[in-house]
Amino acid sequence: MPHLPLPSLEVIEQGRAYLTAALLIEQHGTTQQWRPACVLSGLAMELFIKSFLAKDDSRFMTTLNGVDIFNGAVAAEHGHFLDKLFKKIEPSWRQAILDTSERLNRGYPLEQKLKDYAGYFFNARYGYEAGSIGVMRMEVLDAAEHFERICTELLPKV
């Protein structure tokens, strides 16, 4: 099976796409689009966390000239709540994330932010439903940008 280095660049790139969309809404949208921007930021952070939970899910296709060929794919832990997903990360990676967060922004309360925004993707998508997060905080975009910088710092060096 192919080796999948962590954090998974493929999963991070997905998170970056959602974060970029959220930032575009913040810069060019109206207050009516702030909920979607917050939801996208929550999804981006979910993906950034899942980049540390990724596993190779490649499927063997064939052998060509003695080389095994795989159809590449990545799988990650299921779930949406940021604080719960973060606790599923292997302890040494969790510590590396926290240490990198501290180095990038001294005193930044990353774990508290993950609790504060834990349900922004899952519990805020449908603002009209009972139990939906009522008041969204645009600071979630800052937290998502911070987590993206952590992921970038921790990517394997080639």
Protein backbone atom coordinates (compact mmCIF):
# COMPACT_ATOMS: atom_id res chain seq x y z
CA MET A 1 0.00 0.00 0.00
CA PRO A 2 1.15 3.55 -0.62
CA HIS A 3 2.37 5.61 2.33
CA LEU A 4 0.29 8.62 3.38
CA PRO A 5 2.33 11.24 5.26
CA LEU A 6 0.52 13.29 7.88
CA PRO A 7 -0.88 15.82 7.86
CA SER A 8 -2.47 14.91 4.54
CA LEU A 9 -1.88 17.63 1.96
CA GLU A 10 -4.89 16.44 -0.02
CA VAL A 11 -7.22 16.96 2.95
CA ILE A 12 -5.57 20.32 3.80
CA GLU A 13 -6.13 21.51 0.23
CA GLN A 14 -9.85 20.73 0.57
CA GLY A 15 -9.93 22.75 3.79
CA ARG A 16 -8.10 25.63 2.12
CA ALA A 17 -10.73 25.74 -0.64
CA TYR A 18 -13.54 26.15 1.90
CA LEU A 19 -11.57 28.71 3.88
CA THR A 20 -10.87 30.71 0.72
CA ALA A 21 -14.59 30.69 -0.10
CA ALA A 22 -15.39 31.90 3.43
CA LEU A 23 -12.86 34.73 3.15
CA LEU A 24 -14.27 35.78 -0.22
CA ILE A 25 -17.73 35.97 1.33
CA GLU A 26 -16.34 38.03 4.22
CA GLN A 27 -14.64 40.46 1.81
CA HIS A 28 -17.31 40.73 -0.87
CA GLY A 29 -20.56 39.45 0.58
CA THR A 30 -23.26 41.00 2.69
CA THR A 31 -24.27 40.24 6.25
CA GLN A 32 -26.77 37.76 4.76
CA GLN A 33 -23.82 35.58 3.72
CA TRP A 34 -22.02 35.65 7.08
CA ARG A 35 -23.69 32.42 8.26
CA PRO A 36 -22.45 30.53 5.19
CA ALA A 37 -18.97 32.05 5.72
CA CYS A 38 -18.96 30.78 9.31
CA VAL A 39 -20.23 27.35 8.27
CA LEU A 40 -17.52 27.11 5.59
CA SER A 41 -14.89 28.12 8.15
CA GLY A 42 -16.12 25.42 10.51
CA LEU A 43 -15.91 22.88 7.70
CA ALA A 44 -12.40 24.09 6.82
CA MET A 45 -11.25 23.57 10.42
CA GLU A 46 -12.87 20.13 10.45
CA LEU A 47 -10.81 19.22 7.40
CA PHE A 48 -7.62 20.67 8.86
CA ILE A 49 -8.11 18.43 11.91
CA LYS A 50 -8.97 15.45 9.73
CA SER A 51 -5.70 15.93 7.83
CA PHE A 52 -4.04 14.52 10.97
CA LEU A 53 -6.53 11.62 11.10
CA ALA A 54 -6.21 10.65 7.43
CA LYS A 55 -5.47 7.11 6.35
CA ASP A 56 -4.52 5.67 3.01
CA ASP A 57 -7.59 4.17 1.32
CA SER A 58 -5.97 3.28 -2.00
CA ARG A 59 -7.23 0.32 -3.99
CA PHE A 60 -4.93 -2.03 -5.84
CA MET A 61 -5.59 -1.86 -9.59
CA THR A 62 -2.91 -3.89 -11.37
CA THR A 63 0.77 -4.66 -11.68
CA LEU A 64 2.57 -3.13 -14.63
CA ASN A 65 6.19 -4.06 -15.38
CA GLY A 66 6.58 -5.35 -11.83
CA VAL A 67 5.17 -2.19 -10.23
CA ASP A 68 1.94 -2.31 -8.26
CA ILE A 69 -0.49 0.40 -9.40
CA PHE A 70 -3.02 1.78 -6.93
CA ASN A 71 -6.05 4.02 -7.36
CA GLY A 72 -5.20 6.64 -4.74
CA ALA A 73 -7.71 7.70 -2.13
CA VAL A 74 -7.73 9.07 1.41
CA ALA A 75 -10.12 8.26 4.24
CA ALA A 76 -10.47 10.19 7.47
CA GLU A 77 -12.23 9.86 10.78
CA HIS A 78 -15.98 10.47 10.71
CA GLY A 79 -17.57 13.23 12.77
CA HIS A 80 -18.01 16.98 12.70
CA PHE A 81 -17.38 18.39 16.16
CA LEU A 82 -13.97 20.03 16.26
CA ASP A 83 -13.14 19.44 19.91
CA LYS A 84 -14.07 15.74 19.72
CA LEU A 85 -12.12 15.22 16.50
CA PHE A 86 -9.08 16.99 17.96
CA LYS A 87 -9.04 14.53 20.87
CA LYS A 88 -8.87 11.64 18.38
CA ILE A 89 -5.57 12.86 16.97
CA GLU A 90 -2.57 10.82 18.13
CA PRO A 91 -1.12 12.54 21.25
CA SER A 92 2.27 13.42 19.74
CA TRP A 93 0.55 15.11 16.78
CA ARG A 94 -1.84 16.93 19.12
CA GLN A 95 1.13 18.26 21.05
CA ALA A 96 2.88 19.27 17.83
CA ILE A 97 -0.25 21.20 16.80
CA LEU A 98 -0.44 22.97 20.16
CA ASP A 99 3.30 23.75 20.16
CA THR A 100 3.11 25.13 16.61
CA SER A 101 0.05 27.20 17.52
CA GLU A 102 1.95 28.70 20.46
CA ARG A 103 5.01 29.42 18.31
CA LEU A 104 2.90 31.12 15.63
CA ASN A 105 0.73 33.12 18.02
CA ARG A 106 1.86 33.16 21.64
CA GLY A 107 -1.04 32.62 24.04
CA TYR A 108 -3.55 31.70 21.31
CA PRO A 109 -6.22 29.53 23.01
CA LEU A 110 -6.52 26.95 20.22
CA GLU A 111 -8.25 24.26 22.26
CA GLN A 112 -10.79 26.78 23.56
CA LYS A 113 -11.46 27.98 20.01
CA LEU A 114 -12.09 24.39 18.94
CA LYS A 115 -14.68 24.14 21.72
CA ASP A 116 -16.20 27.53 20.87
CA TYR A 117 -16.62 26.64 17.19
CA ALA A 118 -17.08 22.88 17.61
CA GLY A 119 -20.48 22.74 15.90
CA TYR A 120 -20.19 25.58 13.40
CA PHE A 121 -20.40 23.23 10.43
CA PHE A 122 -22.89 20.70 11.71
CA ASN A 123 -25.15 22.82 13.93
CA ALA A 124 -25.25 26.03 11.92
CA ARG A 125 -25.94 24.90 8.36
CA TYR A 126 -29.68 25.26 8.73
CA GLY A 127 -30.27 28.49 10.62
CA TYR A 128 -34.03 28.06 10.51
CA GLU A 129 -34.01 24.81 12.52
CA ALA A 130 -34.60 24.64 16.26
CA GLY A 131 -31.29 23.97 17.96
CA SER A 132 -29.27 25.70 15.25
CA ILE A 133 -26.54 28.05 16.41
CA GLY A 134 -28.31 31.38 16.61
CA VAL A 135 -25.51 33.92 16.77
CA MET A 136 -22.48 33.26 14.60
CA ARG A 137 -19.11 34.81 15.39
CA MET A 138 -17.05 35.91 12.41
CA GLU A 139 -13.90 35.34 14.51
CA VAL A 140 -14.22 31.72 13.42
CA LEU A 141 -12.52 32.82 10.18
CA ASP A 142 -9.47 33.93 12.17
CA ALA A 143 -9.36 30.58 13.96
CA ALA A 144 -9.58 28.73 10.64
CA GLU A 145 -6.76 30.83 9.19
CA HIS A 146 -4.65 30.12 12.28
CA PHE A 147 -5.26 26.36 11.97
CA GLU A 148 -4.37 26.47 8.26
CA ARG A 149 -1.02 28.08 9.16
CA ILE A 150 -0.41 25.30 11.70
CA CYS A 151 -1.08 22.66 9.05
CA THR A 152 1.25 24.40 6.61
CA GLU A 153 4.01 24.48 9.23
CA LEU A 154 3.57 20.78 10.00
CA LEU A 155 3.45 19.51 6.42
CA PRO A 156 6.23 17.03 5.71
CA LYS A 157 9.29 18.68 4.20
CA VAL A 158 10.19 17.25 0.81
